[in-house]
Amino acid sequence: MRPDSSDHARGSGPDPAGAEPPSEPAARRLGRTASLAVHLGITLVGVLGMLLALHAGIGSLSAPGPGLWPLAAASLATAAGLGTVVQTILGARATALNGSMRPAIGLGLAILFVLLFSFVSVIVALVVVFALWTRLLGEMPWPSVALWTVLGATLLYLLFGVLIATPFPAPLTVIP
């Protein structure tokens, strides 16, 4: 019977070099450091975007300036970057994209959103795509999908439909 690598780790004698094995493999430390650097970079790009947006002028919600939407996008990038920095520090690992499947799902959901928005309504589009996105790409359990779908669709509608008073186009088809 061939010994496997775990047999070598359980050796009966002391390590000939006298060094203790590292608590974390070097490859994992390097991966965590690289991941942390990427997430810090995203955070810094978000902060830079917020500064540039403020410099461009954000105006108000009723009379938005040229920097309002860039400020919102940069704020989201900063928050996402900070969130992933914290997760990386706590030891969470990002899942791989597994080839082109996840980006293809994201693109398909974006197309579905445009179609639902155009032919049904914005509310239906928000609910359907938010639910599919959180389930397929976020891999959340159904109770979390339901919660995030209701919260996300409600917040987006309140932001665009009520607070900013964005006029949503009527669907291209009449729903009886």
N, C-alpha and C. Protein backbone atom coordinates (compact mmCIF):
# COMPACT_ATOMS: atom_id res chain seq x y z
N MET A 1 0.85 -1.17 0.00
CA MET A 1 0.00 0.00 0.00
C MET A 1 0.89 1.23 0.00
N ARG A 2 0.62 2.17 -0.90
CA ARG A 2 1.44 3.38 -0.99
C ARG A 2 1.03 4.37 0.08
N PRO A 3 1.98 4.99 0.73
CA PRO A 3 1.64 6.03 1.71
C PRO A 3 1.17 7.29 0.97
N ASP A 4 0.22 7.96 1.56
CA ASP A 4 -0.21 9.23 0.97
C ASP A 4 0.48 10.38 1.69
N SER A 5 0.17 11.58 1.27
CA SER A 5 0.87 12.75 1.82
C SER A 5 0.59 12.95 3.30
N SER A 6 -0.55 12.46 3.78
CA SER A 6 -0.85 12.63 5.20
C SER A 6 0.04 11.74 6.07
N ASP A 7 0.54 10.62 5.50
CA ASP A 7 1.44 9.76 6.26
C ASP A 7 2.75 10.49 6.57
N HIS A 8 3.20 11.30 5.64
CA HIS A 8 4.43 12.05 5.86
C HIS A 8 4.24 13.14 6.90
N ALA A 9 3.05 13.69 6.96
CA ALA A 9 2.80 14.77 7.91
C ALA A 9 2.75 14.26 9.34
N ARG A 10 2.42 12.97 9.52
CA ARG A 10 2.31 12.40 10.85
C ARG A 10 3.58 11.69 11.27
N GLY A 11 4.69 12.07 10.74
CA GLY A 11 5.96 11.38 11.01
C GLY A 11 6.19 11.18 12.49
N SER A 12 6.90 10.10 12.84
CA SER A 12 7.10 9.78 14.24
C SER A 12 8.21 10.59 14.88
N GLY A 13 9.13 11.08 14.08
CA GLY A 13 10.25 11.82 14.65
C GLY A 13 10.10 13.31 14.46
N PRO A 14 10.99 14.07 15.08
CA PRO A 14 10.94 15.51 14.92
C PRO A 14 11.34 15.91 13.50
N ASP A 15 10.95 17.10 13.12
CA ASP A 15 11.29 17.64 11.80
C ASP A 15 12.80 17.80 11.73
N PRO A 16 13.44 17.23 10.69
CA PRO A 16 14.90 17.30 10.63
C PRO A 16 15.43 18.72 10.59
N ALA A 17 14.71 19.65 10.03
CA ALA A 17 15.19 21.03 9.96
C ALA A 17 14.93 21.76 11.27
N GLY A 18 14.10 21.19 12.13
CA GLY A 18 13.81 21.82 13.41
C GLY A 18 12.78 22.93 13.31
N ALA A 19 12.22 23.13 12.14
CA ALA A 19 11.23 24.20 11.98
C ALA A 19 9.84 23.62 12.12
N GLU A 20 8.95 24.42 12.68
CA GLU A 20 7.57 23.99 12.79
C GLU A 20 6.87 24.26 11.46
N PRO A 21 5.90 23.41 11.11
CA PRO A 21 5.18 23.65 9.86
C PRO A 21 4.40 24.96 9.97
N PRO A 22 4.31 25.70 8.86
CA PRO A 22 3.57 26.96 8.91
C PRO A 22 2.09 26.70 9.17
N SER A 23 1.45 27.63 9.86
CA SER A 23 0.04 27.46 10.18
C SER A 23 -0.83 27.62 8.95
N GLU A 24 -0.35 28.32 7.97
CA GLU A 24 -1.12 28.53 6.75
C GLU A 24 -0.18 28.34 5.57
N PRO A 25 -0.55 27.53 4.59
CA PRO A 25 0.35 27.33 3.45
C PRO A 25 0.67 28.66 2.76
N ALA A 26 1.87 28.72 2.21
CA ALA A 26 2.32 29.95 1.55
C ALA A 26 1.43 30.33 0.39
N ALA A 27 0.95 29.35 -0.36
CA ALA A 27 0.09 29.66 -1.51
C ALA A 27 -1.21 30.31 -1.06
N ARG A 28 -1.76 29.85 0.05
CA ARG A 28 -3.01 30.43 0.55
C ARG A 28 -2.78 31.86 1.04
N ARG A 29 -1.64 32.09 1.72
CA ARG A 29 -1.33 33.45 2.18
C ARG A 29 -1.16 34.38 0.99
N LEU A 30 -0.48 33.90 -0.05
CA LEU A 30 -0.28 34.71 -1.24
C LEU A 30 -1.62 35.01 -1.91
N GLY A 31 -2.48 34.01 -1.98
CA GLY A 31 -3.81 34.21 -2.57
C GLY A 31 -4.63 35.21 -1.78
N ARG A 32 -4.56 35.12 -0.45
CA ARG A 32 -5.31 36.06 0.38
C ARG A 32 -4.75 37.47 0.23
N THR A 33 -3.43 37.59 0.15
CA THR A 33 -2.81 38.91 -0.03
C THR A 33 -3.20 39.51 -1.37
N ALA A 34 -3.17 38.70 -2.43
CA ALA A 34 -3.57 39.19 -3.75
C ALA A 34 -5.04 39.59 -3.76
N SER A 35 -5.88 38.79 -3.13
CA SER A 35 -7.31 39.10 -3.06
C SER A 35 -7.53 40.40 -2.30
N LEU A 36 -6.83 40.55 -1.20
CA LEU A 36 -6.95 41.78 -0.41
C LEU A 36 -6.50 42.99 -1.21
N ALA A 37 -5.43 42.85 -1.98
CA ALA A 37 -4.95 43.96 -2.81
C ALA A 37 -5.98 44.35 -3.87
N VAL A 38 -6.61 43.37 -4.49
CA VAL A 38 -7.64 43.67 -5.50
C VAL A 38 -8.82 44.39 -4.86
N HIS A 39 -9.28 43.91 -3.72
CA HIS A 39 -10.43 44.52 -3.06
C HIS A 39 -10.11 45.92 -2.55
N LEU A 40 -8.90 46.12 -2.06
CA LEU A 40 -8.48 47.47 -1.66
C LEU A 40 -8.42 48.38 -2.88
N GLY A 41 -7.97 47.85 -4.00
CA GLY A 41 -7.93 48.64 -5.24
C GLY A 41 -9.33 49.07 -5.66
N ILE A 42 -10.30 48.17 -5.59
CA ILE A 42 -11.69 48.52 -5.93
C ILE A 42 -12.19 49.59 -4.98
N THR A 43 -11.88 49.46 -3.71
CA THR A 43 -12.31 50.46 -2.72
C THR A 43 -11.69 51.82 -3.04
N LEU A 44 -10.41 51.84 -3.35
CA LEU A 44 -9.75 53.11 -3.66
C LEU A 44 -10.28 53.74 -4.94
N VAL A 45 -10.58 52.93 -5.94
CA VAL A 45 -11.19 53.46 -7.17
C VAL A 45 -12.56 54.06 -6.85
N GLY A 46 -13.32 53.41 -5.98
CA GLY A 46 -14.61 53.96 -5.57
C GLY A 46 -14.47 55.28 -4.85
N VAL A 47 -13.50 55.37 -3.94
CA VAL A 47 -13.27 56.63 -3.22
C VAL A 47 -12.85 57.73 -4.19
N LEU A 48 -11.96 57.41 -5.12
CA LEU A 48 -11.54 58.38 -6.13
C LEU A 48 -12.74 58.83 -6.97
N GLY A 49 -13.59 57.88 -7.35
CA GLY A 49 -14.80 58.22 -8.10
C GLY A 49 -15.72 59.14 -7.32
N MET A 50 -15.85 58.91 -6.02
CA MET A 50 -16.70 59.79 -5.20
C MET A 50 -16.12 61.20 -5.14
N LEU A 51 -14.81 61.30 -4.99
CA LEU A 51 -14.17 62.63 -4.96
C LEU A 51 -14.37 63.36 -6.28
N LEU A 52 -14.19 62.66 -7.39
CA LEU A 52 -14.39 63.29 -8.70
C LEU A 52 -15.85 63.68 -8.91
N ALA A 53 -16.78 62.85 -8.45
CA ALA A 53 -18.20 63.17 -8.59
C ALA A 53 -18.56 64.40 -7.76
N LEU A 54 -18.03 64.49 -6.55
CA LEU A 54 -18.29 65.67 -5.72
C LEU A 54 -17.71 66.92 -6.37
N HIS A 55 -16.54 66.77 -6.99
CA HIS A 55 -15.92 67.90 -7.68
C HIS A 55 -16.77 68.34 -8.88
N ALA A 56 -17.43 67.41 -9.54
CA ALA A 56 -18.26 67.74 -10.70
C ALA A 56 -19.57 68.40 -10.28
N GLY A 57 -19.96 68.23 -9.03
CA GLY A 57 -21.20 68.82 -8.54
C GLY A 57 -22.34 67.82 -8.62
N ILE A 58 -22.98 67.58 -7.47
CA ILE A 58 -24.05 66.59 -7.46
C ILE A 58 -25.44 67.21 -7.55
N GLY A 59 -25.56 68.50 -7.31
CA GLY A 59 -26.86 69.14 -7.40
C GLY A 59 -27.79 68.62 -6.33
N SER A 60 -29.06 68.46 -6.68
CA SER A 60 -30.06 67.93 -5.76
C SER A 60 -30.85 66.84 -6.48
N LEU A 61 -31.75 66.19 -5.75
CA LEU A 61 -32.53 65.13 -6.38
C LEU A 61 -33.49 65.68 -7.42
N SER A 62 -34.01 66.89 -7.19
CA SER A 62 -34.93 67.48 -8.17
C SER A 62 -34.19 68.12 -9.34
N ALA A 63 -32.97 68.56 -9.12
CA ALA A 63 -32.14 69.14 -10.19
C ALA A 63 -30.75 68.52 -10.09
N PRO A 64 -30.62 67.26 -10.56
CA PRO A 64 -29.34 66.58 -10.39
C PRO A 64 -28.22 67.21 -11.20
N GLY A 65 -27.04 67.24 -10.58
CA GLY A 65 -25.85 67.73 -11.26
C GLY A 65 -25.17 66.59 -11.99
N PRO A 66 -24.12 66.89 -12.73
CA PRO A 66 -23.44 65.85 -13.51
C PRO A 66 -22.74 64.80 -12.66
N GLY A 67 -22.53 65.06 -11.39
CA GLY A 67 -21.83 64.10 -10.55
C GLY A 67 -22.73 63.22 -9.70
N LEU A 68 -24.07 63.39 -9.80
CA LEU A 68 -24.97 62.63 -8.92
C LEU A 68 -24.90 61.13 -9.17
N TRP A 69 -25.08 60.70 -10.40
CA TRP A 69 -25.05 59.27 -10.69
C TRP A 69 -23.66 58.68 -10.54
N PRO A 70 -22.61 59.38 -10.96
CA PRO A 70 -21.28 58.84 -10.67
C PRO A 70 -21.02 58.70 -9.16
N LEU A 71 -21.57 59.62 -8.36
CA LEU A 71 -21.42 59.52 -6.91
C LEU A 71 -22.13 58.26 -6.40
N ALA A 72 -23.33 58.00 -6.90
CA ALA A 72 -24.06 56.81 -6.47
C ALA A 72 -23.31 55.54 -6.86
N ALA A 73 -22.82 55.48 -8.09
CA ALA A 73 -22.09 54.29 -8.55
C ALA A 73 -20.78 54.12 -7.78
N ALA A 74 -20.06 55.21 -7.55
CA ALA A 74 -18.79 55.13 -6.82
C ALA A 74 -19.03 54.75 -5.36
N SER A 75 -20.14 55.21 -4.79
CA SER A 75 -20.47 54.84 -3.42
C SER A 75 -20.73 53.34 -3.32
N LEU A 76 -21.45 52.79 -4.30
CA LEU A 76 -21.70 51.35 -4.31
C LEU A 76 -20.40 50.57 -4.48
N ALA A 77 -19.51 51.05 -5.35
CA ALA A 77 -18.22 50.38 -5.54
C ALA A 77 -17.40 50.42 -4.26
N THR A 78 -17.42 51.56 -3.57
CA THR A 78 -16.69 51.69 -2.31
C THR A 78 -17.26 50.74 -1.26
N ALA A 79 -18.58 50.71 -1.14
CA ALA A 79 -19.21 49.82 -0.16
C ALA A 79 -18.93 48.35 -0.49
N ALA A 80 -19.01 47.99 -1.76
CA ALA A 80 -18.72 46.61 -2.15
C ALA A 80 -17.25 46.28 -1.88
N GLY A 81 -16.36 47.21 -2.18
CA GLY A 81 -14.94 46.99 -1.92
C GLY A 81 -14.66 46.81 -0.44
N LEU A 82 -15.26 47.66 0.39
CA LEU A 82 -15.06 47.54 1.83
C LEU A 82 -15.63 46.22 2.36
N GLY A 83 -16.79 45.84 1.85
CA GLY A 83 -17.39 44.58 2.27
C GLY A 83 -16.51 43.39 1.93
N THR A 84 -15.94 43.40 0.73
CA THR A 84 -15.08 42.28 0.35
C THR A 84 -13.74 42.31 1.08
N VAL A 85 -13.27 43.50 1.43
CA VAL A 85 -12.04 43.60 2.24
C VAL A 85 -12.28 42.94 3.60
N VAL A 86 -13.42 43.26 4.22
CA VAL A 86 -13.74 42.68 5.52
C VAL A 86 -13.88 41.17 5.40
N GLN A 87 -14.57 40.70 4.36
CA GLN A 87 -14.73 39.25 4.17
C GLN A 87 -13.38 38.57 3.97
N THR A 88 -12.49 39.20 3.22
CA THR A 88 -11.17 38.62 2.99
C THR A 88 -10.37 38.55 4.29
N ILE A 89 -10.44 39.61 5.08
CA ILE A 89 -9.73 39.62 6.36
C ILE A 89 -10.27 38.53 7.29
N LEU A 90 -11.59 38.32 7.25
CA LEU A 90 -12.20 37.29 8.09
C LEU A 90 -11.99 35.88 7.55
N GLY A 91 -11.39 35.77 6.36
CA GLY A 91 -11.05 34.45 5.83
C GLY A 91 -12.01 33.90 4.80
N ALA A 92 -13.02 34.66 4.40
CA ALA A 92 -13.94 34.16 3.37
C ALA A 92 -13.23 34.09 2.03
N ARG A 93 -13.60 33.13 1.23
CA ARG A 93 -13.00 32.98 -0.09
C ARG A 93 -14.06 33.17 -1.15
N ALA A 94 -13.71 33.88 -2.20
CA ALA A 94 -14.64 34.07 -3.31
C ALA A 94 -14.69 32.79 -4.13
N THR A 95 -15.86 32.51 -4.67
CA THR A 95 -15.99 31.34 -5.52
C THR A 95 -15.51 31.68 -6.92
N ALA A 96 -15.01 30.70 -7.61
CA ALA A 96 -14.53 30.91 -8.97
C ALA A 96 -15.71 31.09 -9.91
N LEU A 97 -15.45 31.68 -11.06
CA LEU A 97 -16.51 31.91 -12.03
C LEU A 97 -16.89 30.65 -12.79
N ASN A 98 -16.12 29.60 -12.69
CA ASN A 98 -16.41 28.35 -13.39
C ASN A 98 -16.61 28.58 -14.88
N GLY A 99 -15.59 29.08 -15.51
CA GLY A 99 -15.67 29.31 -16.95
C GLY A 99 -16.54 30.50 -17.28
N SER A 100 -17.37 30.35 -18.27
CA SER A 100 -18.18 31.48 -18.72
C SER A 100 -19.63 31.36 -18.29
N MET A 101 -19.96 30.41 -17.43
CA MET A 101 -21.36 30.19 -17.07
C MET A 101 -21.94 31.36 -16.26
N ARG A 102 -21.27 31.80 -15.23
CA ARG A 102 -21.82 32.87 -14.39
C ARG A 102 -21.94 34.19 -15.14
N PRO A 103 -20.94 34.62 -15.89
CA PRO A 103 -21.14 35.84 -16.69
C PRO A 103 -22.25 35.69 -17.72
N ALA A 104 -22.40 34.50 -18.29
CA ALA A 104 -23.47 34.26 -19.26
C ALA A 104 -24.83 34.37 -18.58
N ILE A 105 -24.95 33.86 -17.37
CA ILE A 105 -26.20 33.99 -16.62
C ILE A 105 -26.48 35.46 -16.33
N GLY A 106 -25.46 36.20 -15.92
CA GLY A 106 -25.64 37.63 -15.66
C GLY A 106 -26.10 38.39 -16.90
N LEU A 107 -25.49 38.10 -18.03
CA LEU A 107 -25.89 38.75 -19.28
C LEU A 107 -27.32 38.37 -19.66
N GLY A 108 -27.65 37.09 -19.51
CA GLY A 108 -29.01 36.64 -19.80
C GLY A 108 -30.04 37.32 -18.91
N LEU A 109 -29.71 37.50 -17.63
CA LEU A 109 -30.64 38.18 -16.72
C LEU A 109 -30.77 39.66 -17.06
N ALA A 110 -29.69 40.29 -17.52
CA ALA A 110 -29.78 41.69 -17.94
C ALA A 110 -30.69 41.82 -19.15
N ILE A 111 -30.58 40.90 -20.10
CA ILE A 111 -31.46 40.91 -21.27
C ILE A 111 -32.90 40.65 -20.86
N LEU A 112 -33.11 39.71 -19.94
CA LEU A 112 -34.45 39.44 -19.44
C LEU A 112 -35.04 40.68 -18.78
N PHE A 113 -34.23 41.42 -18.02
CA PHE A 113 -34.72 42.64 -17.38
C PHE A 113 -35.21 43.64 -18.42
N VAL A 114 -34.43 43.84 -19.47
CA VAL A 114 -34.83 44.79 -20.52
C VAL A 114 -36.12 44.34 -21.18
N LEU A 115 -36.25 43.05 -21.46
CA LEU A 115 -37.46 42.55 -22.10
C LEU A 115 -38.67 42.70 -21.19
N LEU A 116 -38.53 42.30 -19.92
CA LEU A 116 -39.64 42.44 -18.98
C LEU A 116 -40.00 43.90 -18.75
N PHE A 117 -39.00 44.75 -18.64
CA PHE A 117 -39.22 46.18 -18.45
C PHE A 117 -40.00 46.75 -19.64
N SER A 118 -39.64 46.32 -20.84
CA SER A 118 -40.26 46.86 -22.05
C SER A 118 -41.66 46.31 -22.29
N PHE A 119 -41.88 45.03 -22.02
CA PHE A 119 -43.14 44.42 -22.40
C PHE A 119 -44.11 44.19 -21.26
N VAL A 120 -43.65 44.20 -20.03
CA VAL A 120 -44.56 43.96 -18.91
C VAL A 120 -44.62 45.20 -18.03
N SER A 121 -43.69 45.35 -17.11
CA SER A 121 -43.61 46.56 -16.28
C SER A 121 -42.31 46.54 -15.50
N VAL A 122 -41.95 47.68 -14.97
CA VAL A 122 -40.70 47.79 -14.23
C VAL A 122 -40.76 47.00 -12.93
N ILE A 123 -41.91 46.97 -12.28
CA ILE A 123 -42.02 46.25 -11.00
C ILE A 123 -41.83 44.75 -11.22
N VAL A 124 -42.50 44.21 -12.22
CA VAL A 124 -42.36 42.78 -12.52
C VAL A 124 -40.92 42.47 -12.89
N ALA A 125 -40.31 43.33 -13.70
CA ALA A 125 -38.92 43.13 -14.10
C ALA A 125 -38.00 43.12 -12.88
N LEU A 126 -38.19 44.07 -11.97
CA LEU A 126 -37.36 44.13 -10.77
C LEU A 126 -37.50 42.87 -9.93
N VAL A 127 -38.73 42.44 -9.70
CA VAL A 127 -38.97 41.28 -8.85
C VAL A 127 -38.40 40.01 -9.47
N VAL A 128 -38.71 39.76 -10.75
CA VAL A 128 -38.26 38.52 -11.39
C VAL A 128 -36.74 38.47 -11.48
N VAL A 129 -36.13 39.54 -11.97
CA VAL A 129 -34.68 39.51 -12.16
C VAL A 129 -33.94 39.53 -10.82
N PHE A 130 -34.45 40.28 -9.86
CA PHE A 130 -33.82 40.29 -8.54
C PHE A 130 -33.85 38.88 -7.94
N ALA A 131 -34.98 38.20 -8.04
CA ALA A 131 -35.10 36.85 -7.48
C ALA A 131 -34.16 35.87 -8.19
N LEU A 132 -34.15 35.91 -9.51
CA LEU A 132 -33.27 35.00 -10.25
C LEU A 132 -31.80 35.31 -10.00
N TRP A 133 -31.48 36.59 -9.93
CA TRP A 133 -30.08 36.99 -9.72
C TRP A 133 -29.57 36.48 -8.37
N THR A 134 -30.35 36.73 -7.32
CA THR A 134 -29.90 36.32 -5.99
C THR A 134 -29.88 34.80 -5.85
N ARG A 135 -30.78 34.11 -6.53
CA ARG A 135 -30.80 32.64 -6.43
C ARG A 135 -29.69 32.01 -7.28
N LEU A 136 -29.59 32.41 -8.55
CA LEU A 136 -28.64 31.77 -9.46
C LEU A 136 -27.20 32.24 -9.25
N LEU A 137 -27.02 33.53 -9.10
CA LEU A 137 -25.66 34.05 -8.97
C LEU A 137 -25.24 34.20 -7.52
N GLY A 138 -26.18 34.55 -6.65
CA GLY A 138 -25.85 34.68 -5.23
C GLY A 138 -25.91 33.37 -4.48
N GLU A 139 -26.53 32.36 -5.11
CA GLU A 139 -26.67 31.03 -4.51
C GLU A 139 -27.25 31.09 -3.10
N MET A 140 -28.25 31.96 -2.92
CA MET A 140 -28.88 32.10 -1.62
C MET A 140 -30.03 31.10 -1.48
N PRO A 141 -30.37 30.74 -0.26
CA PRO A 141 -31.54 29.88 -0.05
C PRO A 141 -32.82 30.69 -0.33
N TRP A 142 -33.91 29.97 -0.63
CA TRP A 142 -35.14 30.64 -1.04
C TRP A 142 -35.67 31.66 -0.03
N PRO A 143 -35.63 31.42 1.28
CA PRO A 143 -36.11 32.47 2.20
C PRO A 143 -35.31 33.78 2.06
N SER A 144 -34.00 33.67 1.89
CA SER A 144 -33.18 34.87 1.69
C SER A 144 -33.48 35.51 0.36
N VAL A 145 -33.72 34.70 -0.67
CA VAL A 145 -34.07 35.23 -1.99
C VAL A 145 -35.35 36.06 -1.88
N ALA A 146 -36.35 35.52 -1.19
CA ALA A 146 -37.62 36.25 -1.04
C ALA A 146 -37.42 37.57 -0.30
N LEU A 147 -36.66 37.53 0.78
CA LEU A 147 -36.42 38.74 1.56
C LEU A 147 -35.68 39.79 0.75
N TRP A 148 -34.56 39.40 0.12
CA TRP A 148 -33.77 40.36 -0.65
C TRP A 148 -34.51 40.86 -1.88
N THR A 149 -35.35 40.02 -2.47
CA THR A 149 -36.12 40.45 -3.64
C THR A 149 -37.12 41.52 -3.25
N VAL A 150 -37.85 41.30 -2.18
CA VAL A 150 -38.83 42.30 -1.74
C VAL A 150 -38.13 43.59 -1.32
N LEU A 151 -37.07 43.47 -0.52
CA LEU A 151 -36.34 44.67 -0.09
C LEU A 151 -35.70 45.41 -1.26
N GLY A 152 -35.03 44.68 -2.13
CA GLY A 152 -34.34 45.31 -3.26
C GLY A 152 -35.29 45.97 -4.23
N ALA A 153 -36.35 45.27 -4.62
CA ALA A 153 -37.32 45.85 -5.56
C ALA A 153 -38.01 47.06 -4.94
N THR A 154 -38.35 46.97 -3.67
CA THR A 154 -39.00 48.10 -2.99
C THR A 154 -38.07 49.30 -2.92
N LEU A 155 -36.83 49.09 -2.52
CA LEU A 155 -35.88 50.21 -2.42
C LEU A 155 -35.60 50.85 -3.78
N LEU A 156 -35.43 50.03 -4.81
CA LEU A 156 -35.19 50.60 -6.14
C LEU A 156 -36.40 51.38 -6.64
N TYR A 157 -37.60 50.86 -6.40
CA TYR A 157 -38.80 51.60 -6.81
C TYR A 157 -38.93 52.90 -6.03
N LEU A 158 -38.69 52.85 -4.72
CA LEU A 158 -38.77 54.07 -3.92
C LEU A 158 -37.74 55.10 -4.37
N LEU A 159 -36.53 54.64 -4.69
CA LEU A 159 -35.49 55.55 -5.14
C LEU A 159 -35.85 56.19 -6.47
N PHE A 160 -36.16 55.36 -7.47
CA PHE A 160 -36.39 55.89 -8.81
C PHE A 160 -37.82 56.40 -9.01
N GLY A 161 -38.81 55.66 -8.53
CA GLY A 161 -40.20 56.02 -8.78
C GLY A 161 -40.73 57.11 -7.88
N VAL A 162 -40.31 57.14 -6.62
CA VAL A 162 -40.86 58.10 -5.67
C VAL A 162 -39.90 59.25 -5.40
N LEU A 163 -38.69 58.94 -4.95
CA LEU A 163 -37.75 59.98 -4.53
C LEU A 163 -37.28 60.84 -5.70
N ILE A 164 -36.86 60.21 -6.77
CA ILE A 164 -36.36 60.97 -7.92
C ILE A 164 -37.48 61.26 -8.92
N ALA A 165 -38.60 60.56 -8.80
CA ALA A 165 -39.77 60.74 -9.67
C ALA A 165 -39.43 60.49 -11.13
N THR A 166 -38.74 59.39 -11.38
CA THR A 166 -38.42 59.00 -12.75
C THR A 166 -39.68 58.52 -13.43
N PRO A 167 -40.04 59.10 -14.57
CA PRO A 167 -41.23 58.60 -15.27
C PRO A 167 -40.90 57.29 -15.97
N PHE A 168 -41.56 56.23 -15.56
CA PHE A 168 -41.34 54.93 -16.20
C PHE A 168 -42.21 54.84 -17.44
N PRO A 169 -41.67 54.33 -18.53
CA PRO A 169 -42.49 54.20 -19.73
C PRO A 169 -43.56 53.13 -19.55
N ALA A 170 -44.65 53.31 -20.25
CA ALA A 170 -45.71 52.30 -20.22
C ALA A 170 -45.21 51.06 -20.96
N PRO A 171 -45.65 49.88 -20.55
CA PRO A 171 -45.23 48.68 -21.28
C PRO A 171 -45.68 48.74 -22.73
N LEU A 172 -44.96 48.05 -23.59
CA LEU A 172 -45.31 48.03 -25.00
C LEU A 172 -46.57 47.23 -25.27
N THR A 173 -46.90 46.33 -24.37
CA THR A 173 -48.13 45.55 -24.52
C THR A 173 -49.09 45.94 -23.42
N VAL A 174 -50.36 45.86 -23.74
CA VAL A 174 -51.38 46.19 -22.75
C VAL A 174 -51.73 44.92 -21.99
N ILE A 175 -51.65 45.01 -20.68
CA ILE A 175 -51.99 43.86 -19.84
C ILE A 175 -53.41 44.07 -19.34
N PRO A 176 -54.32 43.14 -19.65
CA PRO A 176 -55.73 43.32 -19.24
C PRO A 176 -55.90 43.26 -17.75
